[in-house]
Amino acid sequence: MVTPNEASTLGIDNERRSWLPMIVIGMAQALMSFNVAAIPVSMAGMVKSFNTAPTTVGTAIVMYSLGVSGFVMLGAKLGQRFGAKRIFQIVVAIFAVAVGLVAISPSAIVMIAAQAACGLAAAALVPSLVALIANHYTGKQQAEAVGWLGSARAIAGVLAFLIVGSIATFVSWRLAFGLLVVHALVIFVLSFKLKPSEQRMDMKIDVVGVIIAAAGIIVLTFGVNNLRIWGVLGATSAAPFDIAGVSPAPMMIVIGVVIVAMFFKWSHYRAANGKPPLLALEVIESHREWAAVIALFLIVSMEAAINFSVPLYIQIVQGRSPFQTSIAMMPFLVTVFFTAILVVRLYSRFTPRNIARVGFLLVFAGTTWLAYVVTNDWSTLPVMAGLITVGLGQGMLVTLLFNVLVTAAPKEAAGDVGSLRGVTQNLAAAVGTAVVGALLVGVLSSIVLTNVSRSLVLTPELLAQINLESVNFVSNDRLNDVLSRTDASPEQVAEAVRINTEARLRALKISFLVMGALSLLALIPAGWLPNYKPGQIPEDPHPDESPEHLRELAAASEES
């Protein structure tokens, strides 16, 4: 146990601070989450306004994600050089202008460019949030603030779907983005209540590192985002090119990984020559930090996969509306929200390693249960039980792993922790959505083609009228509509609907089982997390963690 005198010697301030700064920080996180959630909700209105395809509108989400993940490390360094508060105010103002441009955009091209600007602003906003938390809070209150930040994204997604969905449905999608301008302006006004942040004007920014990191992350993200469209291995007809029949998506992923590896090599080279790297090496040197990053990547990937597959099932299989989908998803998102806040109370009783293991086991139990209850008569109560169970594990893990990253790094590296979090979560969301989408479509296609080849009812003449080269999730109503334009008999239509129904269910069951298997696999990095509670010093610390440093970490988490 760390005594008050020891805490004073270590510079730990356990005084409770005002929550107003955290409200401002949480509103900024909600601003970004609202913007991202508002795009798919407003898709129908945008398609009509711009007279364009839904895939064009989807490009806006890709451009936003590329802007965030590609330049978030640069954003962290700008915050350290000019001060987190000043950068926070500047990028919030830029964000307000960008979403305002989205609201009045005359064409899809202008809207996409505005979303790219939002992404660049968010690249500096994401790390500044962590730096501001470190600047305003310490000890247990800092852990609570991290919990609020982690949960703000979940609850903002729920509110965005309900609020933006209602406005876009009954008034106009443009008004929804107009409200985001007001939201940003309120944040800007309240930001003057934040404490001034330290500026390090003598800091040199690694321009070469910026170029290498941005190139690697953008190429990697772009490849992952196009796995389902261009093909996981073999190139589809939608692929822009192929090499010996191989899809460009996996090739881009490999190239991106190589470039990212070059970035780490370059960072170590700069550090060895006494020059500051783009990403502080203290954030990634310890195996415990890497364990937290890997575990965070896995849990965010699974969250994205669930957010993709469950609405897919509800809207396509059950034929419900987007608003009904948001209601169905609310148990999961609300559970994530409250668990992310309340899990902080467990820090003084259980070690991060044990909490993480319980969290992943809960995700395993929930996803396996969802695989069991997936039927065409998927009732509300079993779904709620599964989603709540997954939400408990999700909320525990996101806050815990983020807190491990924050407390394991020195205060001056808080911006670097924020950038690492931003890259990890954006890339994980892209990977989770793309992989589960490719898995679902791949399994569905395989099952459909196998069942069709065995069918004695579906004739080659009928199949020649249907495009089986691009099998995707479709509702039975949509399938009936397609078959009505062919020479299919009622018996053939019934057989096609039966195959479609069975194939969808099996594909969804397999996807949930794969998520469950990943949850068990995640127990490996969870076992590398710290195995000590606040106030304890491990008997055999890791070589890169001195007893003094560990004592500071323990004191930082000690309850006042």
Protein backbone atom coordinates (compact mmCIF):
# COMPACT_ATOMS: atom_id res chain seq x y z
CA MET A 1 0.00 0.00 0.00
CA VAL A 2 1.33 3.43 -0.93
CA THR A 3 1.10 5.91 1.95
CA PRO A 4 0.13 9.57 1.49
CA ASN A 5 3.76 10.57 2.08
CA GLU A 6 4.97 8.15 -0.58
CA ALA A 7 2.29 9.43 -2.96
CA SER A 8 3.45 12.98 -2.31
CA THR A 9 7.07 11.98 -2.95
CA LEU A 10 6.06 10.37 -6.23
CA GLY A 11 4.13 13.45 -7.27
CA ILE A 12 0.73 11.75 -7.18
CA ASP A 13 -2.17 14.11 -6.54
CA ASN A 14 -5.23 12.32 -5.19
CA GLU A 15 -7.36 15.46 -4.89
CA ARG A 16 -10.73 15.14 -6.61
CA ARG A 17 -11.04 17.52 -9.54
CA SER A 18 -14.08 18.99 -11.28
CA TRP A 19 -15.72 16.76 -13.90
CA LEU A 20 -16.38 19.72 -16.23
CA PRO A 21 -13.21 19.08 -18.29
CA MET A 22 -14.27 15.44 -18.69
CA ILE A 23 -17.68 16.58 -19.92
CA VAL A 24 -15.96 18.65 -22.62
CA ILE A 25 -13.65 15.75 -23.52
CA GLY A 26 -16.58 13.30 -23.62
CA MET A 27 -18.58 15.66 -25.84
CA ALA A 28 -15.66 15.75 -28.28
CA GLN A 29 -15.55 11.94 -28.40
CA ALA A 30 -19.32 11.93 -28.94
CA LEU A 31 -18.93 14.47 -31.77
CA MET A 32 -16.70 12.09 -33.72
CA SER A 33 -18.91 9.08 -32.99
CA PHE A 34 -22.06 10.98 -33.98
CA ASN A 35 -20.51 11.98 -37.28
CA VAL A 36 -19.45 8.44 -38.19
CA ALA A 37 -22.82 6.95 -37.17
CA ALA A 38 -24.76 9.66 -39.02
CA ILE A 39 -23.37 8.71 -42.44
CA PRO A 40 -24.92 5.23 -42.81
CA VAL A 41 -28.13 6.40 -41.12
CA SER A 42 -28.40 9.26 -43.65
CA MET A 43 -27.44 7.09 -46.62
CA ALA A 44 -30.89 6.91 -48.20
CA GLY A 45 -31.31 10.70 -48.07
CA MET A 46 -27.82 11.29 -49.46
CA VAL A 47 -28.40 8.85 -52.33
CA LYS A 48 -31.56 10.75 -53.25
CA SER A 49 -30.03 14.22 -52.84
CA PHE A 50 -26.89 13.46 -54.84
CA ASN A 51 -28.48 10.99 -57.26
CA THR A 52 -25.63 8.57 -56.64
CA ALA A 53 -25.07 4.96 -55.59
CA PRO A 54 -24.94 3.89 -51.91
CA THR A 55 -21.35 2.69 -52.42
CA THR A 56 -20.36 6.27 -53.26
CA VAL A 57 -21.76 7.46 -49.95
CA GLY A 58 -19.93 4.61 -48.22
CA THR A 59 -16.70 6.04 -49.61
CA ALA A 60 -17.13 8.94 -47.18
CA ILE A 61 -16.72 6.56 -44.22
CA VAL A 62 -13.59 5.10 -45.79
CA MET A 63 -12.09 8.57 -46.38
CA TYR A 64 -12.83 9.57 -42.78
CA SER A 65 -11.20 6.42 -41.42
CA LEU A 66 -8.14 6.84 -43.63
CA GLY A 67 -7.70 10.41 -42.43
CA VAL A 68 -7.86 9.40 -38.77
CA SER A 69 -5.70 6.29 -38.88
CA GLY A 70 -3.13 7.67 -41.32
CA PHE A 71 -2.33 10.92 -39.53
CA VAL A 72 -3.21 10.33 -35.87
CA MET A 73 0.49 10.00 -34.92
CA LEU A 74 1.20 13.38 -36.49
CA GLY A 75 -1.78 14.76 -34.57
CA ALA A 76 -0.25 13.53 -31.30
CA LYS A 77 3.03 15.31 -32.00
CA LEU A 78 1.26 18.53 -32.93
CA GLY A 79 -0.53 18.38 -29.58
CA GLN A 80 2.75 17.90 -27.73
CA ARG A 81 4.45 20.74 -29.58
CA PHE A 82 1.71 23.37 -29.47
CA GLY A 83 -0.21 22.15 -26.41
CA ALA A 84 -3.13 19.73 -26.26
CA LYS A 85 -5.65 22.45 -25.35
CA ARG A 86 -4.71 24.73 -28.25
CA ILE A 87 -4.77 21.87 -30.78
CA PHE A 88 -8.07 20.67 -29.31
CA GLN A 89 -9.67 24.07 -29.88
CA ILE A 90 -8.29 24.42 -33.42
CA VAL A 91 -9.41 20.99 -34.62
CA VAL A 92 -12.86 21.30 -33.01
CA ALA A 93 -13.31 24.51 -35.01
CA ILE A 94 -12.12 22.73 -38.17
CA PHE A 95 -14.51 19.88 -37.45
CA ALA A 96 -17.39 22.35 -37.11
CA VAL A 97 -16.60 23.87 -40.51
CA ALA A 98 -16.22 20.42 -42.10
CA VAL A 99 -19.55 19.01 -40.85
CA GLY A 100 -21.18 22.31 -41.85
CA LEU A 101 -19.85 21.74 -45.36
CA VAL A 102 -21.35 18.23 -45.27
CA ALA A 103 -24.72 19.75 -44.36
CA ILE A 104 -24.73 22.15 -47.33
CA SER A 105 -22.74 20.02 -49.80
CA PRO A 106 -24.16 20.31 -53.34
CA SER A 107 -22.63 17.03 -54.56
CA ALA A 108 -21.31 13.70 -53.33
CA ILE A 109 -17.73 14.76 -54.16
CA VAL A 110 -17.97 17.79 -51.86
CA MET A 111 -19.52 15.67 -49.11
CA ILE A 112 -16.72 13.07 -49.36
CA ALA A 113 -14.05 15.80 -49.31
CA ALA A 114 -15.68 17.31 -46.22
CA GLN A 115 -15.64 13.93 -44.47
CA ALA A 116 -11.96 13.57 -45.34
CA ALA A 117 -11.41 16.93 -43.61
CA CYS A 118 -13.32 15.61 -40.59
CA GLY A 119 -10.97 12.64 -40.53
CA LEU A 120 -7.88 14.85 -40.59
CA ALA A 121 -9.30 16.94 -37.75
CA ALA A 122 -10.13 13.81 -35.77
CA ALA A 123 -6.53 12.64 -36.28
CA ALA A 124 -5.42 15.47 -33.99
CA LEU A 125 -8.52 15.34 -31.78
CA VAL A 126 -8.20 11.66 -30.77
CA PRO A 127 -4.75 11.91 -29.09
CA SER A 128 -5.56 15.29 -27.56
CA LEU A 129 -8.41 13.70 -25.58
CA VAL A 130 -6.03 11.33 -23.80
CA ALA A 131 -3.50 14.11 -23.22
CA LEU A 132 -6.20 16.32 -21.69
CA ILE A 133 -7.31 13.53 -19.36
CA ALA A 134 -3.70 13.09 -18.20
CA ASN A 135 -3.44 16.86 -17.75
CA HIS A 136 -6.58 17.16 -15.60
CA TYR A 137 -6.84 13.91 -13.61
CA THR A 138 -4.65 11.51 -11.66
CA GLY A 139 -5.05 8.27 -9.74
CA LYS A 140 -8.47 6.67 -9.46
CA GLN A 141 -10.18 9.69 -10.98
CA GLN A 142 -8.02 9.30 -14.08
CA ALA A 143 -9.09 5.66 -14.35
CA GLU A 144 -12.73 6.76 -14.05
CA ALA A 145 -12.18 9.40 -16.76
CA VAL A 146 -10.72 6.75 -19.07
CA GLY A 147 -13.84 4.68 -18.42
CA TRP A 148 -16.08 7.60 -19.37
CA LEU A 149 -14.06 8.17 -22.56
CA GLY A 150 -14.31 4.53 -23.53
CA SER A 151 -18.06 4.44 -22.92
CA ALA A 152 -18.79 7.75 -24.67
CA ARG A 153 -18.25 6.12 -28.06
CA ALA A 154 -20.82 3.39 -27.35
CA ILE A 155 -23.57 5.62 -26.02
CA ALA A 156 -22.97 8.21 -28.76
CA GLY A 157 -23.54 5.49 -31.34
CA VAL A 158 -26.92 4.65 -29.79
CA LEU A 159 -28.02 8.27 -29.56
CA ALA A 160 -26.79 9.04 -33.07
CA PHE A 161 -28.79 6.18 -34.51
CA LEU A 162 -31.95 7.29 -32.70
CA ILE A 163 -31.61 11.09 -33.03
CA VAL A 164 -30.03 11.32 -36.48
CA GLY A 165 -32.21 8.50 -37.75
CA SER A 166 -35.37 10.29 -36.63
CA ILE A 167 -34.30 13.66 -38.03
CA ALA A 168 -33.12 12.16 -41.32
CA THR A 169 -36.37 10.23 -41.65
CA PHE A 170 -38.86 12.95 -40.74
CA VAL A 171 -37.04 16.20 -41.63
CA SER A 172 -33.74 16.07 -43.54
CA TRP A 173 -30.33 14.43 -43.23
CA ARG A 174 -28.80 17.90 -43.72
CA LEU A 175 -30.37 19.14 -40.49
CA ALA A 176 -28.77 16.22 -38.64
CA PHE A 177 -25.29 17.39 -39.67
CA GLY A 178 -26.31 20.97 -38.95
CA LEU A 179 -26.93 19.96 -35.35
CA LEU A 180 -23.38 18.58 -35.23
CA VAL A 181 -22.15 22.09 -36.05
CA VAL A 182 -23.98 23.39 -32.98
CA HIS A 183 -22.53 20.53 -30.95
CA ALA A 184 -19.00 21.44 -32.06
CA LEU A 185 -19.50 25.13 -31.30
CA VAL A 186 -20.69 24.32 -27.76
CA ILE A 187 -17.54 22.23 -27.25
CA PHE A 188 -15.39 25.10 -28.52
CA VAL A 189 -16.95 27.56 -26.06
CA LEU A 190 -16.60 25.16 -23.12
CA SER A 191 -12.99 24.34 -24.08
CA PHE A 192 -11.86 27.65 -22.55
CA LYS A 193 -12.57 26.05 -19.15
CA LEU A 194 -9.75 23.54 -19.75
CA LYS A 195 -6.38 23.99 -18.08
CA PRO A 196 -3.53 25.27 -20.25
CA SER A 197 -1.37 22.45 -21.58
CA GLU A 198 2.40 22.32 -21.68
CA GLN A 199 3.97 23.34 -25.00
CA ARG A 200 7.22 21.89 -26.29
CA MET A 201 8.06 24.28 -29.12
CA ASP A 202 11.56 22.84 -29.43
CA MET A 203 10.16 19.43 -30.44
CA LYS A 204 11.14 18.37 -33.95
CA ILE A 205 8.50 16.43 -35.86
CA ASP A 206 9.72 13.37 -37.75
CA VAL A 207 8.48 14.19 -41.27
CA VAL A 208 9.88 10.99 -42.78
CA GLY A 209 8.15 8.99 -40.05
CA VAL A 210 4.87 10.78 -40.82
CA ILE A 211 5.12 9.79 -44.49
CA ILE A 212 6.06 6.16 -43.76
CA ALA A 213 3.38 5.70 -41.07
CA ALA A 214 0.64 7.33 -43.15
CA ALA A 215 1.54 5.32 -46.26
CA GLY A 216 1.64 2.02 -44.37
CA ILE A 217 -1.58 2.52 -42.42
CA ILE A 218 -3.54 3.89 -45.40
CA VAL A 219 -2.46 1.05 -47.72
CA LEU A 220 -3.21 -1.52 -45.00
CA THR A 221 -6.61 -0.02 -44.15
CA PHE A 222 -7.57 0.35 -47.81
CA GLY A 223 -6.70 -3.29 -48.46
CA VAL A 224 -8.70 -4.49 -45.46
CA ASN A 225 -11.73 -2.36 -46.39
CA ASN A 226 -11.84 -3.92 -49.87
CA LEU A 227 -11.42 -7.58 -48.89
CA ARG A 228 -15.10 -8.34 -49.35
CA ILE A 229 -15.45 -6.37 -52.59
CA TRP A 230 -12.21 -7.31 -54.36
CA GLY A 231 -11.88 -10.81 -52.94
CA VAL A 232 -10.08 -12.40 -49.99
CA LEU A 233 -7.70 -14.32 -52.26
CA GLY A 234 -9.00 -14.68 -55.80
CA ALA A 235 -9.93 -11.43 -57.55
CA THR A 236 -13.62 -10.76 -58.14
CA SER A 237 -15.09 -8.94 -61.11
CA ALA A 238 -15.22 -5.76 -58.98
CA ALA A 239 -11.43 -5.74 -58.44
CA PRO A 240 -9.67 -2.90 -60.34
CA PHE A 241 -6.88 -5.31 -61.38
CA ASP A 242 -5.39 -8.67 -60.49
CA ILE A 243 -2.02 -10.39 -60.65
CA ALA A 244 -2.29 -13.98 -61.86
CA GLY A 245 -5.89 -13.96 -60.65
CA VAL A 246 -4.96 -12.82 -57.12
CA SER A 247 -7.03 -10.03 -55.56
CA PRO A 248 -5.21 -6.72 -54.94
CA ALA A 249 -6.72 -6.52 -51.41
CA PRO A 250 -4.46 -9.12 -49.71
CA MET A 251 -1.47 -7.77 -51.64
CA MET A 252 -2.15 -4.28 -50.27
CA ILE A 253 -2.43 -5.71 -46.75
CA VAL A 254 0.97 -7.40 -47.05
CA ILE A 255 2.55 -4.22 -48.48
CA GLY A 256 0.98 -2.17 -45.69
CA VAL A 257 2.36 -4.50 -43.01
CA VAL A 258 5.84 -4.27 -44.55
CA ILE A 259 5.69 -0.45 -44.59
CA VAL A 260 4.51 -0.36 -40.95
CA ALA A 261 7.44 -2.63 -40.02
CA MET A 262 9.73 -0.15 -41.81
CA PHE A 263 8.21 2.61 -39.67
CA PHE A 264 9.17 0.83 -36.45
CA LYS A 265 12.69 0.24 -37.81
CA TRP A 266 12.95 3.94 -38.68
CA SER A 267 11.68 4.95 -35.22
CA HIS A 268 14.36 2.87 -33.50
CA TYR A 269 16.98 4.33 -35.84
CA ARG A 270 15.99 7.89 -34.90
CA ALA A 271 15.94 7.06 -31.19
CA ALA A 272 19.42 5.49 -31.45
CA ASN A 273 20.69 8.73 -33.00
CA GLY A 274 19.21 10.90 -30.26
CA LYS A 275 16.26 12.17 -32.32
CA PRO A 276 12.63 11.92 -31.15
CA PRO A 277 10.61 9.34 -33.14
CA LEU A 278 7.07 9.97 -34.30
CA LEU A 279 5.74 7.45 -31.75
CA ALA A 280 7.40 7.39 -28.33
CA LEU A 281 9.17 4.07 -27.90
CA GLU A 282 8.13 3.95 -24.23
CA VAL A 283 4.60 3.25 -25.43
CA ILE A 284 5.55 0.11 -27.37
CA GLU A 285 8.75 -1.19 -25.76
CA SER A 286 7.22 -3.37 -23.03
CA HIS A 287 5.51 -6.68 -23.75
CA ARG A 288 2.69 -5.54 -21.43
CA GLU A 289 1.90 -2.57 -23.67
CA TRP A 290 1.93 -4.84 -26.73
CA ALA A 291 -0.34 -7.29 -24.91
CA ALA A 292 -2.81 -4.46 -24.23
CA VAL A 293 -2.64 -3.33 -27.88
CA ILE A 294 -3.22 -6.85 -29.25
CA ALA A 295 -6.06 -7.53 -26.82
CA LEU A 296 -7.64 -4.13 -27.61
CA PHE A 297 -7.36 -4.86 -31.33
CA LEU A 298 -9.12 -8.21 -30.90
CA ILE A 299 -11.99 -6.92 -28.76
CA VAL A 300 -12.68 -3.89 -31.00
CA SER A 301 -12.59 -6.19 -34.05
CA MET A 302 -15.21 -8.41 -32.44
CA GLU A 303 -17.32 -5.39 -31.50
CA ALA A 304 -17.25 -4.25 -35.13
CA ALA A 305 -18.10 -7.76 -36.31
CA ILE A 306 -21.12 -7.91 -33.98
CA ASN A 307 -22.24 -4.42 -35.00
CA PHE A 308 -22.16 -5.65 -38.62
CA SER A 309 -23.59 -9.17 -38.32
CA VAL A 310 -26.45 -8.55 -35.86
CA PRO A 311 -28.02 -5.65 -37.83
CA LEU A 312 -27.46 -7.69 -41.00
CA TYR A 313 -29.50 -10.51 -39.49
CA ILE A 314 -32.23 -8.26 -38.10
CA GLN A 315 -32.70 -6.23 -41.29
CA ILE A 316 -32.14 -8.91 -43.93
CA VAL A 317 -33.35 -12.12 -42.30
CA GLN A 318 -36.08 -10.64 -40.13
CA GLY A 319 -36.89 -7.75 -42.45
CA ARG A 320 -37.03 -5.10 -39.71
CA SER A 321 -36.40 -1.36 -40.12
CA PRO A 322 -33.18 0.48 -39.14
CA PHE A 323 -35.01 2.06 -36.19
CA GLN A 324 -36.08 -1.38 -34.95
CA THR A 325 -32.49 -2.53 -35.41
CA SER A 326 -31.21 0.26 -33.17
CA ILE A 327 -33.71 -0.75 -30.48
CA ALA A 328 -32.58 -4.37 -30.75
CA MET A 329 -28.91 -3.36 -30.46
CA MET A 330 -29.51 -1.12 -27.45
CA PRO A 331 -29.04 -3.84 -24.79
CA PHE A 332 -25.54 -4.45 -26.12
CA LEU A 333 -24.51 -0.80 -26.43
CA VAL A 334 -26.05 0.30 -23.12
CA THR A 335 -24.38 -2.61 -21.32
CA VAL A 336 -21.03 -1.59 -22.83
CA PHE A 337 -21.63 1.97 -21.64
CA PHE A 338 -22.37 1.17 -18.00
CA THR A 339 -19.82 -1.63 -17.69
CA ALA A 340 -17.07 0.63 -19.05
CA ILE A 341 -17.77 3.05 -16.20
CA LEU A 342 -18.37 0.59 -13.37
CA VAL A 343 -15.44 -1.74 -14.10
CA VAL A 344 -13.10 0.85 -12.55
CA ARG A 345 -14.41 -0.28 -9.15
CA LEU A 346 -12.84 -3.70 -9.72
CA TYR A 347 -9.30 -2.36 -10.22
CA SER A 348 -8.49 -2.32 -6.50
CA ARG A 349 -9.71 -5.90 -5.99
CA PHE A 350 -8.54 -7.81 -9.07
CA THR A 351 -5.48 -7.69 -11.32
CA PRO A 352 -5.74 -6.48 -14.94
CA ARG A 353 -4.81 -9.99 -16.10
CA ASN A 354 -7.71 -11.61 -14.27
CA ILE A 355 -10.24 -8.94 -15.29
CA ALA A 356 -9.21 -9.33 -18.95
CA ARG A 357 -9.55 -13.11 -18.79
CA VAL A 358 -13.05 -12.84 -17.34
CA GLY A 359 -13.94 -10.26 -20.00
CA PHE A 360 -12.87 -12.47 -22.90
CA LEU A 361 -14.63 -15.48 -21.37
CA LEU A 362 -17.84 -13.43 -21.20
CA VAL A 363 -17.45 -12.49 -24.88
CA PHE A 364 -16.88 -16.17 -25.68
CA ALA A 365 -19.99 -17.21 -23.76
CA GLY A 366 -22.11 -14.47 -25.37
CA THR A 367 -21.04 -15.10 -28.97
CA THR A 368 -21.40 -18.88 -28.58
CA TRP A 369 -24.89 -18.38 -27.15
CA LEU A 370 -25.82 -16.08 -30.05
CA ALA A 371 -24.70 -18.80 -32.47
CA TYR A 372 -27.03 -21.20 -30.67
CA VAL A 373 -30.10 -18.92 -30.70
CA VAL A 374 -29.81 -17.82 -34.35
CA THR A 375 -33.01 -19.07 -35.93
CA ASN A 376 -35.62 -17.54 -38.20
CA ASP A 377 -37.75 -17.05 -35.07
CA TRP A 378 -35.00 -15.26 -33.17
CA SER A 379 -36.92 -13.96 -30.18
CA THR A 380 -36.04 -10.91 -28.12
CA LEU A 381 -35.17 -12.51 -24.77
CA PRO A 382 -32.43 -14.92 -25.96
CA VAL A 383 -30.92 -12.17 -28.10
CA MET A 384 -30.87 -9.76 -25.17
CA ALA A 385 -29.18 -12.37 -22.98
CA GLY A 386 -26.44 -12.95 -25.54
CA LEU A 387 -25.90 -9.28 -26.35
CA ILE A 388 -25.82 -8.29 -22.67
CA THR A 389 -23.25 -10.99 -21.94
CA VAL A 390 -21.04 -9.81 -24.81
CA GLY A 391 -21.58 -6.21 -23.73
CA LEU A 392 -20.35 -6.97 -20.21
CA GLY A 393 -17.10 -8.38 -21.55
CA GLN A 394 -16.75 -5.64 -24.16
CA GLY A 395 -17.22 -2.81 -21.67
CA MET A 396 -14.78 -4.35 -19.19
CA LEU A 397 -12.08 -4.89 -21.78
CA VAL A 398 -12.14 -1.60 -23.68
CA THR A 399 -11.78 0.46 -20.50
CA LEU A 400 -9.31 -1.87 -18.81
CA LEU A 401 -6.96 -2.18 -21.79
CA PHE A 402 -7.02 1.54 -22.46
CA ASN A 403 -6.29 2.20 -18.79
CA VAL A 404 -3.31 -0.21 -18.88
CA LEU A 405 -1.89 1.73 -21.81
CA VAL A 406 -2.41 5.12 -20.16
CA THR A 407 -1.00 4.22 -16.73
CA ALA A 408 1.95 2.27 -18.13
CA ALA A 409 3.29 5.28 -20.04
CA PRO A 410 4.71 8.54 -18.65
CA LYS A 411 2.39 11.56 -18.62
CA GLU A 412 4.29 13.32 -21.40
CA ALA A 413 3.59 10.35 -23.69
CA ALA A 414 -0.20 10.52 -23.18
CA GLY A 415 -0.67 11.90 -26.69
CA ASP A 416 1.29 8.97 -28.12
CA VAL A 417 -0.95 6.58 -26.17
CA GLY A 418 -3.95 8.35 -27.70
CA SER A 419 -2.54 8.01 -31.21
CA LEU A 420 -1.80 4.33 -30.65
CA ARG A 421 -5.36 3.86 -29.41
CA GLY A 422 -6.73 5.72 -32.44
CA VAL A 423 -4.77 3.62 -34.94
CA THR A 424 -5.63 0.38 -33.14
CA GLN A 425 -9.36 1.06 -32.87
CA ASN A 426 -9.79 2.38 -36.43
CA LEU A 427 -7.80 -0.46 -37.96
CA ALA A 428 -9.56 -3.04 -35.74
CA ALA A 429 -12.99 -1.71 -36.72
CA ALA A 430 -12.07 -1.97 -40.40
CA VAL A 431 -10.63 -5.48 -39.97
CA GLY A 432 -13.59 -6.72 -37.90
CA THR A 433 -16.19 -5.45 -40.36
CA ALA A 434 -14.28 -6.55 -43.47
CA VAL A 435 -13.34 -10.00 -42.20
CA VAL A 436 -16.78 -10.90 -40.88
CA GLY A 437 -18.33 -9.56 -44.08
CA ALA A 438 -15.97 -11.63 -46.23
CA LEU A 439 -16.54 -14.66 -43.99
CA LEU A 440 -20.31 -14.38 -44.14
CA VAL A 441 -20.42 -13.90 -47.90
CA GLY A 442 -17.81 -16.61 -48.50
CA VAL A 443 -19.57 -19.21 -46.35
CA LEU A 444 -22.96 -18.22 -47.77
CA SER A 445 -21.70 -18.54 -51.34
CA SER A 446 -20.14 -21.93 -50.65
CA ILE A 447 -23.30 -23.29 -49.01
CA VAL A 448 -25.59 -21.91 -51.74
CA LEU A 449 -23.48 -23.29 -54.59
CA THR A 450 -23.24 -26.70 -52.88
CA ASN A 451 -26.99 -26.92 -52.23
CA VAL A 452 -27.87 -25.68 -55.70
CA SER A 453 -25.64 -28.30 -57.34
CA ARG A 454 -27.40 -31.03 -55.32
CA SER A 455 -30.92 -29.75 -55.99
CA LEU A 456 -33.11 -31.76 -58.34
CA VAL A 457 -35.60 -28.91 -58.63
CA LEU A 458 -33.40 -26.02 -59.76
CA THR A 459 -32.55 -26.66 -63.40
CA PRO A 460 -29.45 -25.42 -65.27
CA GLU A 461 -31.75 -23.36 -67.49
CA LEU A 462 -33.09 -21.47 -64.48
CA LEU A 463 -29.65 -21.02 -62.92
CA ALA A 464 -28.43 -19.52 -66.19
CA GLN A 465 -30.91 -16.68 -65.62
CA ILE A 466 -29.53 -15.97 -62.11
CA ASN A 467 -26.08 -14.53 -61.37
CA LEU A 468 -24.50 -16.96 -58.88
CA GLU A 469 -21.03 -15.42 -59.23
CA SER A 470 -21.87 -12.68 -56.71
CA VAL A 471 -23.92 -14.39 -54.00
CA ASN A 472 -24.74 -12.01 -51.14
CA PHE A 473 -27.14 -11.70 -48.21
CA VAL A 474 -30.64 -10.99 -49.55
CA SER A 475 -34.05 -11.19 -47.96
CA ASN A 476 -36.57 -13.76 -49.11
CA ASP A 477 -38.74 -10.92 -50.44
CA ARG A 478 -35.84 -9.68 -52.56
CA LEU A 479 -35.16 -13.21 -53.78
CA ASN A 480 -38.82 -13.65 -54.73
CA ASP A 481 -38.65 -10.38 -56.65
CA VAL A 482 -35.59 -11.55 -58.59
CA LEU A 483 -37.12 -14.95 -59.35
CA SER A 484 -40.35 -13.33 -60.54
CA ARG A 485 -38.40 -12.03 -63.55
CA THR A 486 -37.36 -15.56 -64.53
CA ASP A 487 -39.18 -18.66 -65.72
CA ALA A 488 -39.12 -20.19 -62.22
CA SER A 489 -42.10 -22.31 -61.23
CA PRO A 490 -43.68 -21.99 -57.76
CA GLU A 491 -41.89 -25.21 -56.76
CA GLN A 492 -38.52 -23.79 -57.88
CA VAL A 493 -39.16 -20.51 -56.07
CA ALA A 494 -39.93 -22.40 -52.84
CA GLU A 495 -36.74 -24.46 -53.23
CA ALA A 496 -34.61 -21.34 -53.82
CA VAL A 497 -36.11 -19.63 -50.75
CA ARG A 498 -35.42 -22.73 -48.64
CA ILE A 499 -31.77 -22.84 -49.75
CA ASN A 500 -31.37 -19.10 -49.11
CA THR A 501 -32.89 -19.37 -45.62
CA GLU A 502 -30.77 -22.33 -44.55
CA ALA A 503 -27.56 -20.89 -46.02
CA ARG A 504 -27.99 -17.52 -44.25
CA LEU A 505 -28.55 -19.17 -40.88
CA ARG A 506 -25.55 -21.48 -41.21
CA ALA A 507 -23.31 -18.60 -42.31
CA LEU A 508 -24.38 -16.50 -39.32
CA LYS A 509 -23.89 -19.41 -36.90
CA ILE A 510 -20.38 -20.00 -38.23
CA SER A 511 -19.49 -16.29 -37.94
CA PHE A 512 -20.54 -16.19 -34.27
CA LEU A 513 -18.60 -19.38 -33.56
CA VAL A 514 -15.50 -17.86 -35.18
CA MET A 515 -15.89 -14.81 -32.91
CA GLY A 516 -16.12 -17.14 -29.94
CA ALA A 517 -12.92 -18.90 -31.01
CA LEU A 518 -11.13 -15.55 -31.30
CA SER A 519 -12.26 -14.71 -27.76
CA LEU A 520 -10.55 -17.86 -26.49
CA LEU A 521 -7.45 -17.06 -28.55
CA ALA A 522 -7.36 -13.60 -26.94
CA LEU A 523 -6.74 -15.25 -23.56
CA ILE A 524 -3.09 -15.56 -24.68
CA PRO A 525 -2.31 -11.79 -24.83
CA ALA A 526 -4.57 -11.32 -21.79
CA GLY A 527 -2.14 -13.56 -19.89
CA TRP A 528 0.68 -11.07 -20.60
CA LEU A 529 -1.10 -8.18 -18.87
CA PRO A 530 0.05 -6.96 -15.42
CA ASN A 531 -0.72 -9.40 -12.62
CA TYR A 532 -0.61 -6.96 -9.70
CA LYS A 533 -3.21 -4.76 -8.04
CA PRO A 534 -2.82 -1.06 -7.12
CA GLY A 535 -0.43 -0.68 -4.19
CA GLN A 536 1.41 -3.90 -5.02
CA ILE A 537 4.88 -4.25 -6.57
CA PRO A 538 5.53 -7.53 -8.38
CA GLU A 539 8.41 -9.54 -6.96
CA ASP A 540 9.96 -10.11 -10.39
CA PRO A 541 9.30 -7.00 -12.48
CA HIS A 542 9.85 -7.05 -16.19
CA PRO A 543 13.38 -5.89 -17.14
CA ASP A 544 12.11 -2.72 -18.75
CA GLU A 545 10.01 -1.80 -15.71
CA SER A 546 12.00 -0.65 -12.69
CA PRO A 547 10.52 -0.97 -9.18
CA GLU A 548 10.36 2.83 -9.05
CA HIS A 549 8.35 2.97 -12.27
CA LEU A 550 6.04 0.20 -11.08
CA ARG A 551 5.53 2.01 -7.78
CA GLU A 552 4.44 5.10 -9.71
CA LEU A 553 2.00 3.03 -11.77
CA ALA A 554 0.57 1.41 -8.65
CA ALA A 555 0.26 4.76 -6.91
CA ALA A 556 -1.43 6.26 -9.97
CA SER A 557 -4.19 3.65 -9.70
CA GLU A 558 -4.46 3.80 -5.90
CA GLU A 559 -7.89 4.82 -4.62
CA SER A 560 -7.74 8.09 -2.76
